[in-house]
Amino acid sequence: MLTIPVWTLIHVVQVEPYLGVGPSGPAYGPAGPVRCLLEEQTRLVRSPAGDEVVSSSTAYAMPGTVAPAKSRVTLPGGRRTVVIASYNRDGGGLGTPNHTEVQLQ
């Protein structure tokens, strides 16, 4: 299995995984570092609900990275954002690297 090369993961973001709604509002897991390649580019994407949403950044990380929709993310510069959607990308043996794509607001 070909995975995204570790040497390309030059950024570190902090991810607080969304756990659901608790008695006092949204609940998040503890923040953890995620090595990634961060692409800061504005583009239009679709949320898991099918809505068109503006994404300001995309993080490319190792396969299996946990960053569910609505998770909080702190970028290297300190800006906080929210996960729109997270997708596991499998190259299926075609020579493209397997990775997790995390679309951020």
PDB file of N, CA and C in Angstrom:
ATOM      1  N   MET A   1       0.849  -1.179   0.000  1.00  0.00           N
ATOM      2  CA  MET A   1       0.000   0.000   0.000  1.00  0.00           C
ATOM      3  C   MET A   1       0.892   1.239   0.000  1.00  0.00           C
ATOM      4  N   LEU A   2       0.702   2.104  -0.962  1.00  0.00           N
ATOM      5  CA  LEU A   2       1.438   3.351  -1.068  1.00  0.00           C
ATOM      6  C   LEU A   2       0.697   4.418  -0.264  1.00  0.00           C
ATOM      7  N   THR A   3       1.384   5.045   0.700  1.00  0.00           N
ATOM      8  CA  THR A   3       0.756   6.117   1.479  1.00  0.00           C
ATOM      9  C   THR A   3       1.453   7.433   1.176  1.00  0.00           C
ATOM     10  N   ILE A   4       0.819   8.490   1.575  1.00  0.00           N
ATOM     11  CA  ILE A   4       1.380   9.819   1.378  1.00  0.00           C
ATOM     12  C   ILE A   4       2.766   9.854   2.032  1.00  0.00           C
ATOM     13  N   PRO A   5       3.777  10.353   1.343  1.00  0.00           N
ATOM     14  CA  PRO A   5       5.125  10.354   1.924  1.00  0.00           C
ATOM     15  C   PRO A   5       5.207  11.215   3.193  1.00  0.00           C
ATOM     16  N   VAL A   6       5.807  10.668   4.233  1.00  0.00           N
ATOM     17  CA  VAL A   6       5.913  11.368   5.513  1.00  0.00           C
ATOM     18  C   VAL A   6       6.641  12.703   5.351  1.00  0.00           C
ATOM     19  N   TRP A   7       7.621  12.761   4.466  1.00  0.00           N
ATOM     20  CA  TRP A   7       8.394  13.995   4.310  1.00  0.00           C
ATOM     21  C   TRP A   7       7.555  15.150   3.773  1.00  0.00           C
ATOM     22  N   THR A   8       6.365  14.861   3.204  1.00  0.00           N
ATOM     23  CA  THR A   8       5.493  15.939   2.717  1.00  0.00           C
ATOM     24  C   THR A   8       4.629  16.531   3.833  1.00  0.00           C
ATOM     25  N   LEU A   9       4.572  15.855   4.970  1.00  0.00           N
ATOM     26  CA  LEU A   9       3.711  16.289   6.079  1.00  0.00           C
ATOM     27  C   LEU A   9       4.460  17.324   6.919  1.00  0.00           C
ATOM     28  N   ILE A  10       4.560  18.537   6.397  1.00  0.00           N
ATOM     29  CA  ILE A  10       5.412  19.569   6.977  1.00  0.00           C
ATOM     30  C   ILE A  10       4.698  20.476   7.971  1.00  0.00           C
ATOM     31  N   HIS A  11       3.397  20.303   8.137  1.00  0.00           N
ATOM     32  CA  HIS A  11       2.629  21.134   9.064  1.00  0.00           C
ATOM     33  C   HIS A  11       2.083  20.253  10.197  1.00  0.00           C
ATOM     34  N   VAL A  12       1.777  20.896  11.316  1.00  0.00           N
ATOM     35  CA  VAL A  12       1.119  20.207  12.436  1.00  0.00           C
ATOM     36  C   VAL A  12      -0.089  21.039  12.832  1.00  0.00           C
ATOM     37  N   VAL A  13      -1.253  20.396  12.862  1.00  0.00           N
ATOM     38  CA  VAL A  13      -2.478  21.038  13.340  1.00  0.00           C
ATOM     39  C   VAL A  13      -2.935  20.299  14.595  1.00  0.00           C
ATOM     40  N   GLN A  14      -3.712  20.971  15.406  1.00  0.00           N
ATOM     41  CA  GLN A  14      -4.279  20.356  16.606  1.00  0.00           C
ATOM     42  C   GLN A  14      -5.749  20.063  16.323  1.00  0.00           C
ATOM     43  N   VAL A  15      -6.156  18.812  16.490  1.00  0.00           N
ATOM     44  CA  VAL A  15      -7.534  18.412  16.205  1.00  0.00           C
ATOM     45  C   VAL A  15      -8.222  17.998  17.502  1.00  0.00           C
ATOM     46  N   GLU A  16      -9.380  18.600  17.751  1.00  0.00           N
ATOM     47  CA  GLU A  16     -10.256  18.211  18.858  1.00  0.00           C
ATOM     48  C   GLU A  16     -11.444  17.491  18.224  1.00  0.00           C
ATOM     49  N   PRO A  17     -11.452  16.147  18.223  1.00  0.00           N
ATOM     50  CA  PRO A  17     -12.512  15.423  17.515  1.00  0.00           C
ATOM     51  C   PRO A  17     -13.903  15.675  18.104  1.00  0.00           C
ATOM     52  N   TYR A  18     -14.836  15.922  17.219  1.00  0.00           N
ATOM     53  CA  TYR A  18     -16.234  16.125  17.613  1.00  0.00           C
ATOM     54  C   TYR A  18     -16.814  14.799  18.094  1.00  0.00           C
ATOM     55  N   LEU A  19     -17.417  14.800  19.287  1.00  0.00           N
ATOM     56  CA  LEU A  19     -17.976  13.575  19.870  1.00  0.00           C
ATOM     57  C   LEU A  19     -19.496  13.543  19.831  1.00  0.00           C
ATOM     58  N   GLY A  20     -20.116  14.682  19.572  1.00  0.00           N
ATOM     59  CA  GLY A  20     -21.579  14.749  19.561  1.00  0.00           C
ATOM     60  C   GLY A  20     -22.045  15.870  20.469  1.00  0.00           C
ATOM     61  N   VAL A  21     -23.328  15.852  20.769  1.00  0.00           N
ATOM     62  CA  VAL A  21     -23.914  16.898  21.603  1.00  0.00           C
ATOM     63  C   VAL A  21     -24.111  16.345  23.005  1.00  0.00           C
ATOM     64  N   GLY A  22     -23.589  17.084  23.987  1.00  0.00           N
ATOM     65  CA  GLY A  22     -23.748  16.718  25.387  1.00  0.00           C
ATOM     66  C   GLY A  22     -24.776  17.607  26.048  1.00  0.00           C
ATOM     67  N   PRO A  23     -24.925  17.506  27.359  1.00  0.00           N
ATOM     68  CA  PRO A  23     -25.932  18.305  28.067  1.00  0.00           C
ATOM     69  C   PRO A  23     -25.685  19.805  28.005  1.00  0.00           C
ATOM     70  N   SER A  24     -24.423  20.224  27.751  1.00  0.00           N
ATOM     71  CA  SER A  24     -24.136  21.654  27.689  1.00  0.00           C
ATOM     72  C   SER A  24     -23.677  22.096  26.307  1.00  0.00           C
ATOM     73  N   GLY A  25     -24.049  21.333  25.273  1.00  0.00           N
ATOM     74  CA  GLY A  25     -23.695  21.706  23.907  1.00  0.00           C
ATOM     75  C   GLY A  25     -22.752  20.711  23.272  1.00  0.00           C
ATOM     76  N   PRO A  26     -22.036  21.137  22.211  1.00  0.00           N
ATOM     77  CA  PRO A  26     -21.131  20.222  21.517  1.00  0.00           C
ATOM     78  C   PRO A  26     -20.045  19.685  22.444  1.00  0.00           C
ATOM     79  N   ALA A  27     -19.697  18.414  22.259  1.00  0.00           N
ATOM     80  CA  ALA A  27     -18.654  17.768  23.065  1.00  0.00           C
ATOM     81  C   ALA A  27     -17.492  17.395  22.151  1.00  0.00           C
ATOM     82  N   TYR A  28     -16.272  17.621  22.642  1.00  0.00           N
ATOM     83  CA  TYR A  28     -15.062  17.358  21.865  1.00  0.00           C
ATOM     84  C   TYR A  28     -14.101  16.505  22.682  1.00  0.00           C
ATOM     85  N   GLY A  29     -13.318  15.694  21.978  1.00  0.00           N
ATOM     86  CA  GLY A  29     -12.265  14.927  22.618  1.00  0.00           C
ATOM     87  C   GLY A  29     -11.059  15.815  22.852  1.00  0.00           C
ATOM     88  N   PRO A  30     -10.055  15.277  23.528  1.00  0.00           N
ATOM     89  CA  PRO A  30      -8.851  16.077  23.780  1.00  0.00           C
ATOM     90  C   PRO A  30      -8.123  16.407  22.484  1.00  0.00           C
ATOM     91  N   ALA A  31      -7.498  17.590  22.460  1.00  0.00           N
ATOM     92  CA  ALA A  31      -6.741  18.029  21.287  1.00  0.00           C
ATOM     93  C   ALA A  31      -5.519  17.141  21.108  1.00  0.00           C
ATOM     94  N   GLY A  32      -5.252  16.800  19.871  1.00  0.00           N
ATOM     95  CA  GLY A  32      -4.075  15.999  19.554  1.00  0.00           C
ATOM     96  C   GLY A  32      -3.416  16.510  18.295  1.00  0.00           C
ATOM     97  N   PRO A  33      -2.090  16.371  18.219  1.00  0.00           N
ATOM     98  CA  PRO A  33      -1.384  16.850  17.026  1.00  0.00           C
ATOM     99  C   PRO A  33      -1.587  15.918  15.843  1.00  0.00           C
ATOM    100  N   VAL A  34      -1.733  16.503  14.658  1.00  0.00           N
ATOM    101  CA  VAL A  34      -1.841  15.742  13.412  1.00  0.00           C
ATOM    102  C   VAL A  34      -0.861  16.349  12.414  1.00  0.00           C
ATOM    103  N   ARG A  35       0.084  15.524  11.967  1.00  0.00           N
ATOM    104  CA  ARG A  35       1.009  15.973  10.921  1.00  0.00           C
ATOM    105  C   ARG A  35       0.274  15.917   9.596  1.00  0.00           C
ATOM    106  N   CYS A  36       0.463  16.971   8.792  1.00  0.00           N
ATOM    107  CA  CYS A  36      -0.270  17.053   7.532  1.00  0.00           C
ATOM    108  C   CYS A  36       0.442  17.969   6.557  1.00  0.00           C
ATOM    109  N   LEU A  37      -0.060  17.985   5.344  1.00  0.00           N
ATOM    110  CA  LEU A  37       0.299  18.990   4.362  1.00  0.00           C
ATOM    111  C   LEU A  37      -0.915  19.902   4.272  1.00  0.00           C
ATOM    112  N   LEU A  38      -0.757  21.143   4.665  1.00  0.00           N
ATOM    113  CA  LEU A  38      -1.873  22.084   4.729  1.00  0.00           C
ATOM    114  C   LEU A  38      -1.866  22.961   3.491  1.00  0.00           C
ATOM    115  N   GLU A  39      -2.969  22.943   2.770  1.00  0.00           N
ATOM    116  CA  GLU A  39      -3.139  23.774   1.580  1.00  0.00           C
ATOM    117  C   GLU A  39      -4.191  24.832   1.913  1.00  0.00           C
ATOM    118  N   GLU A  40      -3.759  26.086   1.994  1.00  0.00           N
ATOM    119  CA  GLU A  40      -4.695  27.164   2.301  1.00  0.00           C
ATOM    120  C   GLU A  40      -5.156  27.787   0.998  1.00  0.00           C
ATOM    121  N   GLN A  41      -6.330  27.346   0.564  1.00  0.00           N
ATOM    122  CA  GLN A  41      -6.923  27.812  -0.685  1.00  0.00           C
ATOM    123  C   GLN A  41      -8.429  27.796  -0.523  1.00  0.00           C
ATOM    124  N   THR A  42      -9.074  28.871  -0.906  1.00  0.00           N
ATOM    125  CA  THR A  42     -10.527  28.948  -0.814  1.00  0.00           C
ATOM    126  C   THR A  42     -11.148  28.229  -2.005  1.00  0.00           C
ATOM    127  N   ARG A  43     -12.098  27.341  -1.698  1.00  0.00           N
ATOM    128  CA  ARG A  43     -12.818  26.639  -2.760  1.00  0.00           C
ATOM    129  C   ARG A  43     -14.178  26.202  -2.239  1.00  0.00           C
ATOM    130  N   LEU A  44     -15.065  25.911  -3.156  1.00  0.00           N
ATOM    131  CA  LEU A  44     -16.419  25.479  -2.824  1.00  0.00           C
ATOM    132  C   LEU A  44     -16.447  23.960  -2.735  1.00  0.00           C
ATOM    133  N   VAL A  45     -16.942  23.422  -1.612  1.00  0.00           N
ATOM    134  CA  VAL A  45     -17.036  21.975  -1.410  1.00  0.00           C
ATOM    135  C   VAL A  45     -18.450  21.634  -0.933  1.00  0.00           C
ATOM    136  N   ARG A  46     -18.743  20.362  -0.883  1.00  0.00           N
ATOM    137  CA  ARG A  46     -20.044  19.905  -0.371  1.00  0.00           C
ATOM    138  C   ARG A  46     -19.857  19.292   1.011  1.00  0.00           C
ATOM    139  N   SER A  47     -20.756  19.651   1.915  1.00  0.00           N
ATOM    140  CA  SER A  47     -20.744  19.076   3.258  1.00  0.00           C
ATOM    141  C   SER A  47     -21.333  17.672   3.183  1.00  0.00           C
ATOM    142  N   PRO A  48     -21.196  16.873   4.252  1.00  0.00           N
ATOM    143  CA  PRO A  48     -21.811  15.542   4.246  1.00  0.00           C
ATOM    144  C   PRO A  48     -23.327  15.584   4.028  1.00  0.00           C
ATOM    145  N   ALA A  49     -23.966  16.716   4.369  1.00  0.00           N
ATOM    146  CA  ALA A  49     -25.414  16.866   4.172  1.00  0.00           C
ATOM    147  C   ALA A  49     -25.756  17.280   2.742  1.00  0.00           C
ATOM    148  N   GLY A  50     -24.724  17.574   1.912  1.00  0.00           N
ATOM    149  CA  GLY A  50     -24.957  17.943   0.528  1.00  0.00           C
ATOM    150  C   GLY A  50     -25.004  19.437   0.277  1.00  0.00           C
ATOM    151  N   ASP A  51     -24.818  20.244   1.327  1.00  0.00           N
ATOM    152  CA  ASP A  51     -24.827  21.705   1.173  1.00  0.00           C
ATOM    153  C   ASP A  51     -23.505  22.177   0.583  1.00  0.00           C
ATOM    154  N   GLU A  52     -23.546  23.250  -0.210  1.00  0.00           N
ATOM    155  CA  GLU A  52     -22.329  23.864  -0.712  1.00  0.00           C
ATOM    156  C   GLU A  52     -21.767  24.774   0.374  1.00  0.00           C
ATOM    157  N   VAL A  53     -20.490  24.580   0.702  1.00  0.00           N
ATOM    158  CA  VAL A  53     -19.839  25.315   1.778  1.00  0.00           C
ATOM    159  C   VAL A  53     -18.493  25.806   1.265  1.00  0.00           C
ATOM    160  N   VAL A  54     -18.061  26.978   1.728  1.00  0.00           N
ATOM    161  CA  VAL A  54     -16.752  27.496   1.352  1.00  0.00           C
ATOM    162  C   VAL A  54     -15.701  26.909   2.287  1.00  0.00           C
ATOM    163  N   SER A  55     -14.691  26.286   1.704  1.00  0.00           N
ATOM    164  CA  SER A  55     -13.562  25.741   2.450  1.00  0.00           C
ATOM    165  C   SER A  55     -12.380  26.682   2.289  1.00  0.00           C
ATOM    166  N   SER A  56     -11.736  27.035   3.398  1.00  0.00           N
ATOM    167  CA  SER A  56     -10.578  27.929   3.341  1.00  0.00           C
ATOM    168  C   SER A  56      -9.261  27.162   3.281  1.00  0.00           C
ATOM    169  N   SER A  57      -9.274  25.903   3.712  1.00  0.00           N
ATOM    170  CA  SER A  57      -8.052  25.102   3.777  1.00  0.00           C
ATOM    171  C   SER A  57      -8.387  23.625   3.642  1.00  0.00           C
ATOM    172  N   THR A  58      -7.384  22.861   3.202  1.00  0.00           N
ATOM    173  CA  THR A  58      -7.494  21.403   3.143  1.00  0.00           C
ATOM    174  C   THR A  58      -6.219  20.832   3.735  1.00  0.00           C
ATOM    175  N   ALA A  59      -6.383  19.860   4.624  1.00  0.00           N
ATOM    176  CA  ALA A  59      -5.233  19.178   5.226  1.00  0.00           C
ATOM    177  C   ALA A  59      -5.183  17.762   4.662  1.00  0.00           C
ATOM    178  N   TYR A  60      -3.989  17.347   4.232  1.00  0.00           N
ATOM    179  CA  TYR A  60      -3.763  15.997   3.734  1.00  0.00           C
ATOM    180  C   TYR A  60      -2.910  15.285   4.769  1.00  0.00           C
ATOM    181  N   ALA A  61      -3.422  14.189   5.327  1.00  0.00           N
ATOM    182  CA  ALA A  61      -2.757  13.489   6.431  1.00  0.00           C
ATOM    183  C   ALA A  61      -2.675  11.993   6.137  1.00  0.00           C
ATOM    184  N   MET A  62      -2.048  11.265   7.053  1.00  0.00           N
ATOM    185  CA  MET A  62      -1.899   9.826   6.903  1.00  0.00           C
ATOM    186  C   MET A  62      -3.274   9.145   6.887  1.00  0.00           C
ATOM    187  N   PRO A  63      -3.391   8.008   6.196  1.00  0.00           N
ATOM    188  CA  PRO A  63      -4.655   7.271   6.199  1.00  0.00           C
ATOM    189  C   PRO A  63      -5.057   6.918   7.636  1.00  0.00           C
ATOM    190  N   GLY A  64      -6.343   6.985   7.895  1.00  0.00           N
ATOM    191  CA  GLY A  64      -6.855   6.643   9.218  1.00  0.00           C
ATOM    192  C   GLY A  64      -6.874   7.792  10.204  1.00  0.00           C
ATOM    193  N   THR A  65      -6.453   8.977   9.780  1.00  0.00           N
ATOM    194  CA  THR A  65      -6.507  10.143  10.661  1.00  0.00           C
ATOM    195  C   THR A  65      -7.958  10.401  11.055  1.00  0.00           C
ATOM    196  N   VAL A  66      -8.196  10.622  12.354  1.00  0.00           N
ATOM    197  CA  VAL A  66      -9.553  10.837  12.854  1.00  0.00           C
ATOM    198  C   VAL A  66      -9.811  12.339  12.991  1.00  0.00           C
ATOM    199  N   ALA A  67     -10.717  12.839  12.156  1.00  0.00           N
ATOM    200  CA  ALA A  67     -11.122  14.247  12.188  1.00  0.00           C
ATOM    201  C   ALA A  67     -12.546  14.331  11.650  1.00  0.00           C
ATOM    202  N   PRO A  68     -13.527  13.865  12.436  1.00  0.00           N
ATOM    203  CA  PRO A  68     -14.902  13.873  11.936  1.00  0.00           C
ATOM    204  C   PRO A  68     -15.432  15.289  11.706  1.00  0.00           C
ATOM    205  N   ALA A  69     -16.464  15.384  10.873  1.00  0.00           N
ATOM    206  CA  ALA A  69     -17.125  16.671  10.627  1.00  0.00           C
ATOM    207  C   ALA A  69     -17.469  17.327  11.961  1.00  0.00           C
ATOM    208  N   LYS A  70     -17.350  18.632  12.020  1.00  0.00           N
ATOM    209  CA  LYS A  70     -17.617  19.483  13.179  1.00  0.00           C
ATOM    210  C   LYS A  70     -16.502  19.484  14.217  1.00  0.00           C
ATOM    211  N   SER A  71     -15.412  18.737  13.974  1.00  0.00           N
ATOM    212  CA  SER A  71     -14.271  18.785  14.891  1.00  0.00           C
ATOM    213  C   SER A  71     -13.641  20.171  14.834  1.00  0.00           C
ATOM    214  N   ARG A  72     -13.031  20.583  15.935  1.00  0.00           N
ATOM    215  CA  ARG A  72     -12.318  21.859  15.963  1.00  0.00           C
ATOM    216  C   ARG A  72     -10.857  21.617  15.611  1.00  0.00           C
ATOM    217  N   VAL A  73     -10.284  22.532  14.824  1.00  0.00           N
ATOM    218  CA  VAL A  73      -8.896  22.412  14.386  1.00  0.00           C
ATOM    219  C   VAL A  73      -8.201  23.751  14.598  1.00  0.00           C
ATOM    220  N   THR A  74      -7.007  23.703  15.182  1.00  0.00           N
ATOM    221  CA  THR A  74      -6.171  24.892  15.313  1.00  0.00           C
ATOM    222  C   THR A  74      -5.028  24.757  14.322  1.00  0.00           C
ATOM    223  N   LEU A  75      -4.920  25.740  13.423  1.00  0.00           N
ATOM    224  CA  LEU A  75      -3.891  25.730  12.388  1.00  0.00           C
ATOM    225  C   LEU A  75      -2.563  26.230  12.955  1.00  0.00           C
ATOM    226  N   PRO A  76      -1.455  25.994  12.243  1.00  0.00           N
ATOM    227  CA  PRO A  76      -0.144  26.400  12.760  1.00  0.00           C
ATOM    228  C   PRO A  76      -0.043  27.877  13.149  1.00  0.00           C
ATOM    229  N   GLY A  77      -0.723  28.758  12.452  1.00  0.00           N
ATOM    230  CA  GLY A  77      -0.684  30.189  12.763  1.00  0.00           C
ATOM    231  C   GLY A  77      -1.562  30.590  13.934  1.00  0.00           C
ATOM    232  N   GLY A  78      -2.334  29.632  14.487  1.00  0.00           N
ATOM    233  CA  GLY A  78      -3.201  29.917  15.625  1.00  0.00           C
ATOM    234  C   GLY A  78      -4.668  30.086  15.270  1.00  0.00           C
ATOM    235  N   ARG A  79      -4.985  30.187  13.995  1.00  0.00           N
ATOM    236  CA  ARG A  79      -6.388  30.333  13.588  1.00  0.00           C
ATOM    237  C   ARG A  79      -7.142  29.052  13.897  1.00  0.00           C
ATOM    238  N   ARG A  80      -8.342  29.198  14.463  1.00  0.00           N
ATOM    239  CA  ARG A  80      -9.189  28.037  14.765  1.00  0.00           C
ATOM    240  C   ARG A  80     -10.257  27.922  13.699  1.00  0.00           C
ATOM    241  N   THR A  81     -10.543  26.702  13.312  1.00  0.00           N
ATOM    242  CA  THR A  81     -11.522  26.441  12.269  1.00  0.00           C
ATOM    243  C   THR A  81     -12.253  25.144  12.601  1.00  0.00           C
ATOM    244  N   VAL A  82     -13.148  24.745  11.713  1.00  0.00           N
ATOM    245  CA  VAL A  82     -13.982  23.558  11.936  1.00  0.00           C
ATOM    246  C   VAL A  82     -13.912  22.655  10.712  1.00  0.00           C
ATOM    247  N   VAL A  83     -13.947  21.354  10.955  1.00  0.00           N
ATOM    248  CA  VAL A  83     -13.924  20.378   9.860  1.00  0.00           C
ATOM    249  C   VAL A  83     -15.286  20.380   9.167  1.00  0.00           C
ATOM    250  N   ILE A  84     -15.263  20.536   7.841  1.00  0.00           N
ATOM    251  CA  ILE A  84     -16.476  20.402   7.039  1.00  0.00           C
ATOM    252  C   ILE A  84     -16.736  18.925   6.780  1.00  0.00           C
ATOM    253  N   ALA A  85     -15.709  18.236   6.281  1.00  0.00           N
ATOM    254  CA  ALA A  85     -15.814  16.805   5.969  1.00  0.00           C
ATOM    255  C   ALA A  85     -14.414  16.210   5.952  1.00  0.00           C
ATOM    256  N   SER A  86     -14.357  14.913   6.178  1.00  0.00           N
ATOM    257  CA  SER A  86     -13.090  14.190   6.173  1.00  0.00           C
ATOM    258  C   SER A  86     -13.284  12.934   5.338  1.00  0.00           C
ATOM    259  N   TYR A  87     -12.339  12.683   4.429  1.00  0.00           N
ATOM    260  CA  TYR A  87     -12.470  11.541   3.516  1.00  0.00           C
ATOM    261  C   TYR A  87     -11.185  10.715   3.499  1.00  0.00           C
ATOM    262  N   ASN A  88     -11.331   9.405   3.571  1.00  0.00           N
ATOM    263  CA  ASN A  88     -10.200   8.513   3.368  1.00  0.00           C
ATOM    264  C   ASN A  88     -10.078   8.278   1.869  1.00  0.00           C
ATOM    265  N   ARG A  89      -8.926   8.624   1.308  1.00  0.00           N
ATOM    266  CA  ARG A  89      -8.681   8.479  -0.126  1.00  0.00           C
ATOM    267  C   ARG A  89      -7.782   7.277  -0.351  1.00  0.00           C
ATOM    268  N   ASP A  90      -8.298   6.266  -1.028  1.00  0.00           N
ATOM    269  CA  ASP A  90      -7.573   5.027  -1.307  1.00  0.00           C
ATOM    270  C   ASP A  90      -7.212   4.990  -2.778  1.00  0.00           C
ATOM    271  N   GLY A  91      -5.928   4.937  -3.079  1.00  0.00           N
ATOM    272  CA  GLY A  91      -5.457   4.914  -4.457  1.00  0.00           C
ATOM    273  C   GLY A  91      -5.760   3.615  -5.178  1.00  0.00           C
ATOM    274  N   GLY A  92      -6.150   2.585  -4.436  1.00  0.00           N
ATOM    275  CA  GLY A  92      -6.534   1.320  -5.059  1.00  0.00           C
ATOM    276  C   GLY A  92      -5.434   0.672  -5.880  1.00  0.00           C
ATOM    277  N   GLY A  93      -4.177   0.926  -5.524  1.00  0.00           N
ATOM    278  CA  GLY A  93      -3.078   0.327  -6.258  1.00  0.00           C
ATOM    279  C   GLY A  93      -2.738   1.022  -7.561  1.00  0.00           C
ATOM    280  N   LEU A  94      -3.293   2.199  -7.798  1.00  0.00           N
ATOM    281  CA  LEU A  94      -3.049   2.921  -9.048  1.00  0.00           C
ATOM    282  C   LEU A  94      -1.797   3.794  -9.013  1.00  0.00           C
ATOM    283  N   GLY A  95      -1.077   3.762  -7.925  1.00  0.00           N
ATOM    284  CA  GLY A  95       0.127   4.566  -7.829  1.00  0.00           C
ATOM    285  C   GLY A  95      -0.077   5.911  -7.175  1.00  0.00           C
ATOM    286  N   THR A  96      -1.312   6.250  -6.821  1.00  0.00           N
ATOM    287  CA  THR A  96      -1.561   7.479  -6.087  1.00  0.00           C
ATOM    288  C   THR A  96      -1.565   7.149  -4.596  1.00  0.00           C
ATOM    289  N   PRO A  97      -1.038   8.049  -3.759  1.00  0.00           N
ATOM    290  CA  PRO A  97      -0.897   7.701  -2.340  1.00  0.00           C
ATOM    291  C   PRO A  97      -2.218   7.718  -1.585  1.00  0.00           C
ATOM    292  N   ASN A  98      -2.375   6.731  -0.717  1.00  0.00           N
ATOM    293  CA  ASN A  98      -3.513   6.706   0.192  1.00  0.00           C
ATOM    294  C   ASN A  98      -3.306   7.809   1.222  1.00  0.00           C
ATOM    295  N   HIS A  99      -4.388   8.501   1.583  1.00  0.00           N
ATOM    296  CA  HIS A  99      -4.304   9.567   2.555  1.00  0.00           C
ATOM    297  C   HIS A  99      -5.698   9.925   3.064  1.00  0.00           C
ATOM    298  N   THR A 100      -5.749  10.784   4.069  1.00  0.00           N
ATOM    299  CA  THR A 100      -7.002  11.338   4.562  1.00  0.00           C
ATOM    300  C   THR A 100      -7.034  12.803   4.171  1.00  0.00           C
ATOM    301  N   GLU A 101      -8.134  13.214   3.534  1.00  0.00           N
ATOM    302  CA  GLU A 101      -8.333  14.615   3.138  1.00  0.00           C
ATOM    303  C   GLU A 101      -9.319  15.236   4.117  1.00  0.00           C
ATOM    304  N   VAL A 102      -8.911  16.325   4.762  1.00  0.00           N
ATOM    305  CA  VAL A 102      -9.757  17.009   5.736  1.00  0.00           C
ATOM    306  C   VAL A 102     -10.057  18.406   5.207  1.00  0.00           C
ATOM    307  N   GLN A 103     -11.308  18.657   4.870  1.00  0.00           N
ATOM    308  CA  GLN A 103     -11.725  19.968   4.364  1.00  0.00           C
ATOM    309  C   GLN A 103     -12.126  20.842   5.557  1.00  0.00           C
ATOM    310  N   LEU A 104     -11.568  22.053   5.595  1.00  0.00           N
ATOM    311  CA  LEU A 104     -11.758  22.954   6.742  1.00  0.00           C
ATOM    312  C   LEU A 104     -12.474  24.226   6.336  1.00  0.00           C
ATOM    313  N   GLN A 105     -13.298  24.749   7.245  1.00  0.00           N
ATOM    314  CA  GLN A 105     -13.984  26.030   6.993  1.00  0.00           C
ATOM    315  C   GLN A 105     -12.986  27.156   6.965  1.00  0.00           C
TER     316      GLN A 105
END
